[in-house]
Amino acid sequence: MKKLTAFILCGGKSSRMQSEKGLVLFQEKPFIEHIIQAILPVTEHIQLVTNTEDYDYLPYQKIADIVNDKGPLGGIFTALTNSETEFNLILSCDIPLISSELLTELISKHNQEAHIAIFATESRVHPLIGIYSKALLPVIKETIENDDLKMMNFLAKVPHQIIKIEESENFPLTNINSADELNDLNINLS
């Protein structure tokens, strides 16, 4: 397995959740801890991209956004700028069902020529569960400077690889953005 650094993007305004998303409790544990648990079998090199001290209780390096209010692209730019590895696992903080198995599949299927490898189903692309190359830094910098912050626009500009998974396998990739979505998740799992 190639050497990877994992970055969890803990930024975002969390306006729909009304609280720090990564710290929302699911099955009596914060989202972030579920994600870390899934990452650890893959790599022990974990860093959190966050502008808050709320995650200081975790024993991982925290890095603040280099440019504020630039959404996920800003977080990815910060991660890649601080990374010492060519390839990096980038994950959002709102995917409590992500599994080590899915992350291992992503890594094993990643084609090294692709600067980005992400999952997609027929209905949805998951750009914040992916492998991102440090080689993307100049393109991300330019994209941020142009204030073109949509992830799908960015993907269209760079060599990327879509790893198709069945719609039925989509559930662990679900990101939870609101109290209603969290409630639905708890109902679906009970």
Protein backbone atom coordinates (compact mmCIF):
# COMPACT_ATOMS: atom_id res chain seq x y z
CA MET A 1 0.00 0.00 0.00
CA LYS A 2 1.38 3.41 -0.91
CA LYS A 3 2.30 5.87 1.81
CA LEU A 4 -0.61 8.19 2.39
CA THR A 5 -1.48 11.06 4.67
CA ALA A 6 -5.14 11.30 5.62
CA PHE A 7 -6.70 14.73 6.04
CA ILE A 8 -10.15 15.19 7.53
CA LEU A 9 -11.76 18.48 6.48
CA CYS A 10 -13.44 19.81 9.62
CA GLY A 11 -14.24 23.23 8.21
CA GLY A 12 -17.51 24.45 6.90
CA LYS A 13 -20.11 26.64 8.44
CA SER A 14 -22.38 23.74 9.50
CA SER A 15 -25.37 26.04 9.04
CA ARG A 16 -27.80 23.17 8.45
CA MET A 17 -26.50 21.09 11.37
CA GLN A 18 -26.39 24.11 13.74
CA SER A 19 -23.25 22.71 15.44
CA GLU A 20 -19.70 21.59 14.62
CA LYS A 21 -20.44 18.72 12.20
CA GLY A 22 -17.46 16.53 13.03
CA LEU A 23 -18.46 16.50 16.70
CA VAL A 24 -22.11 15.54 16.19
CA LEU A 25 -22.81 12.35 18.11
CA PHE A 26 -23.73 9.20 16.24
CA GLN A 27 -24.01 5.95 18.20
CA GLU A 28 -22.65 7.81 21.25
CA LYS A 29 -19.45 8.86 19.47
CA PRO A 30 -18.58 12.01 17.47
CA PHE A 31 -18.56 11.64 13.66
CA ILE A 32 -14.84 12.42 13.61
CA GLU A 33 -14.03 9.42 15.81
CA HIS A 34 -15.94 7.06 13.50
CA ILE A 35 -13.94 8.42 10.56
CA ILE A 36 -10.59 8.13 12.37
CA GLN A 37 -11.46 4.54 13.28
CA ALA A 38 -12.01 3.78 9.57
CA ILE A 39 -8.74 5.48 8.57
CA LEU A 40 -6.40 3.87 11.12
CA PRO A 41 -6.11 0.44 9.38
CA VAL A 42 -5.12 2.35 6.21
CA THR A 43 -2.70 4.95 7.61
CA GLU A 44 -1.70 6.34 10.98
CA HIS A 45 -0.73 9.68 9.40
CA ILE A 46 -3.87 11.71 10.13
CA GLN A 47 -4.26 15.48 10.24
CA LEU A 48 -7.32 17.62 10.78
CA VAL A 49 -7.96 20.77 8.76
CA THR A 50 -9.81 22.97 11.23
CA ASN A 51 -10.03 26.58 12.35
CA THR A 52 -11.44 25.71 15.77
CA GLU A 53 -9.99 24.33 19.01
CA ASP A 54 -12.98 21.99 19.37
CA TYR A 55 -10.89 19.07 18.08
CA ASP A 56 -7.92 19.66 20.42
CA TYR A 57 -8.92 16.63 22.51
CA LEU A 58 -7.79 14.39 19.63
CA PRO A 59 -4.08 13.46 19.45
CA TYR A 60 -3.67 14.46 15.79
CA GLN A 61 -2.05 17.49 14.20
CA LYS A 62 -4.48 20.31 13.45
CA ILE A 63 -3.87 22.77 10.65
CA ALA A 64 -5.81 25.97 10.03
CA ASP A 65 -7.08 26.94 6.59
CA ILE A 66 -4.53 28.91 4.58
CA VAL A 67 -7.35 30.81 2.87
CA ASN A 68 -10.64 31.20 4.71
CA ASP A 69 -14.15 30.74 3.37
CA LYS A 70 -13.15 28.84 0.22
CA GLY A 71 -15.17 25.71 0.96
CA PRO A 72 -13.83 22.20 0.44
CA LEU A 73 -11.31 23.38 -2.17
CA GLY A 74 -9.77 25.69 0.42
CA GLY A 75 -9.50 22.75 2.83
CA ILE A 76 -7.94 20.53 0.17
CA PHE A 77 -5.48 23.31 -0.72
CA THR A 78 -4.48 23.56 2.96
CA ALA A 79 -4.13 19.77 3.25
CA LEU A 80 -1.98 19.37 0.16
CA THR A 81 0.19 22.37 1.05
CA ASN A 82 0.94 20.76 4.44
CA SER A 83 1.36 17.22 3.13
CA GLU A 84 4.68 15.43 2.85
CA THR A 85 3.27 12.59 0.74
CA GLU A 86 2.49 12.60 -2.96
CA PHE A 87 -0.95 11.05 -2.51
CA ASN A 88 -3.38 12.04 0.21
CA LEU A 89 -6.65 10.70 1.47
CA ILE A 90 -9.13 13.59 1.73
CA LEU A 91 -12.32 13.03 3.72
CA SER A 92 -15.08 15.33 4.90
CA CYS A 93 -15.98 15.22 8.60
CA ASP A 94 -19.62 14.30 8.02
CA ILE A 95 -19.39 10.68 6.82
CA PRO A 96 -19.72 8.60 10.02
CA LEU A 97 -20.47 5.36 8.14
CA ILE A 98 -17.26 5.31 6.07
CA SER A 99 -15.45 1.98 6.43
CA SER A 100 -11.85 0.81 6.29
CA GLU A 101 -12.95 -1.61 3.56
CA LEU A 102 -14.17 1.19 1.30
CA LEU A 103 -11.03 3.23 1.92
CA THR A 104 -8.87 0.19 1.13
CA GLU A 105 -10.86 -0.33 -2.10
CA LEU A 106 -10.31 3.33 -3.05
CA ILE A 107 -6.56 3.00 -2.47
CA SER A 108 -6.18 -0.34 -4.23
CA LYS A 109 -8.10 0.79 -7.32
CA HIS A 110 -6.38 4.18 -7.55
CA ASN A 111 -4.46 4.59 -10.80
CA GLN A 112 -1.27 6.57 -10.06
CA GLU A 113 -1.69 8.62 -13.26
CA ALA A 114 -4.93 10.06 -11.91
CA HIS A 115 -4.41 13.13 -9.74
CA ILE A 116 -7.73 12.39 -8.06
CA ALA A 117 -9.56 9.11 -7.41
CA ILE A 118 -13.12 9.30 -6.07
CA PHE A 119 -16.20 7.13 -5.73
CA ALA A 120 -19.38 7.58 -7.74
CA THR A 121 -22.67 5.79 -8.13
CA GLU A 122 -25.14 6.25 -10.99
CA SER A 123 -26.76 9.14 -9.14
CA ARG A 124 -23.93 10.80 -7.23
CA VAL A 125 -20.23 11.65 -7.25
CA HIS A 126 -18.42 11.79 -3.89
CA PRO A 127 -15.55 14.28 -4.31
CA LEU A 128 -14.85 14.49 -0.57
CA ILE A 129 -13.95 10.84 -0.20
CA GLY A 130 -10.91 10.62 -2.38
CA ILE A 131 -7.23 10.42 -3.07
CA TYR A 132 -5.69 13.73 -4.13
CA SER A 133 -2.18 14.28 -5.48
CA LYS A 134 0.05 17.07 -4.23
CA ALA A 135 0.64 17.81 -7.96
CA LEU A 136 -2.79 19.52 -7.95
CA LEU A 137 -1.61 22.47 -5.85
CA PRO A 138 -1.03 24.95 -8.73
CA VAL A 139 -4.46 24.19 -10.27
CA ILE A 140 -6.24 24.46 -6.93
CA LYS A 141 -4.46 27.74 -6.17
CA GLU A 142 -5.54 29.20 -9.51
CA THR A 143 -9.10 27.90 -9.06
CA ILE A 144 -9.33 29.53 -5.62
CA GLU A 145 -7.89 32.80 -6.96
CA ASN A 146 -10.61 32.74 -9.65
CA ASP A 147 -13.19 32.03 -6.93
CA ASP A 148 -14.53 29.05 -8.91
CA LEU A 149 -15.15 26.90 -5.85
CA LYS A 150 -17.54 24.23 -7.14
CA MET A 151 -15.96 20.80 -6.71
CA MET A 152 -17.47 19.43 -9.92
CA ASN A 153 -16.02 22.33 -11.96
CA PHE A 154 -12.63 21.61 -10.43
CA LEU A 155 -12.84 17.87 -11.20
CA ALA A 156 -13.56 18.66 -14.84
CA LYS A 157 -10.22 20.49 -15.09
CA VAL A 158 -7.87 17.76 -13.84
CA PRO A 159 -7.06 14.12 -14.63
CA HIS A 160 -9.28 12.12 -12.34
CA GLN A 161 -10.52 8.61 -11.90
CA ILE A 162 -14.07 7.65 -10.99
CA ILE A 163 -14.37 4.39 -9.12
CA LYS A 164 -17.91 3.15 -9.73
CA ILE A 165 -19.79 1.47 -6.94
CA GLU A 166 -23.30 0.13 -6.87
CA GLU A 167 -26.09 2.39 -5.66
CA SER A 168 -26.70 -0.12 -2.85
CA GLU A 169 -23.11 0.41 -1.63
CA ASN A 170 -23.67 4.17 -1.47
CA PHE A 171 -24.95 4.14 2.13
CA PRO A 172 -21.51 4.26 3.85
CA LEU A 173 -20.60 7.28 1.72
CA THR A 174 -23.60 9.30 2.90
CA ASN A 175 -22.73 12.68 4.33
CA ILE A 176 -24.94 13.95 7.12
CA ASN A 177 -25.66 17.68 6.87
CA SER A 178 -28.67 18.25 9.08
CA ALA A 179 -30.39 17.03 12.22
CA ASP A 180 -33.13 15.54 10.00
CA GLU A 181 -30.56 13.53 8.01
CA LEU A 182 -29.00 12.31 11.27
CA ASN A 183 -32.44 11.32 12.53
CA ASP A 184 -33.15 9.43 9.27
CA LEU A 185 -29.79 7.65 9.60
CA ASN A 186 -30.56 6.54 13.15
CA ILE A 187 -33.99 5.29 12.05
CA ASN A 188 -32.50 3.37 9.08
CA LEU A 189 -29.96 1.67 11.33
CA SER A 190 -32.32 0.71 14.14
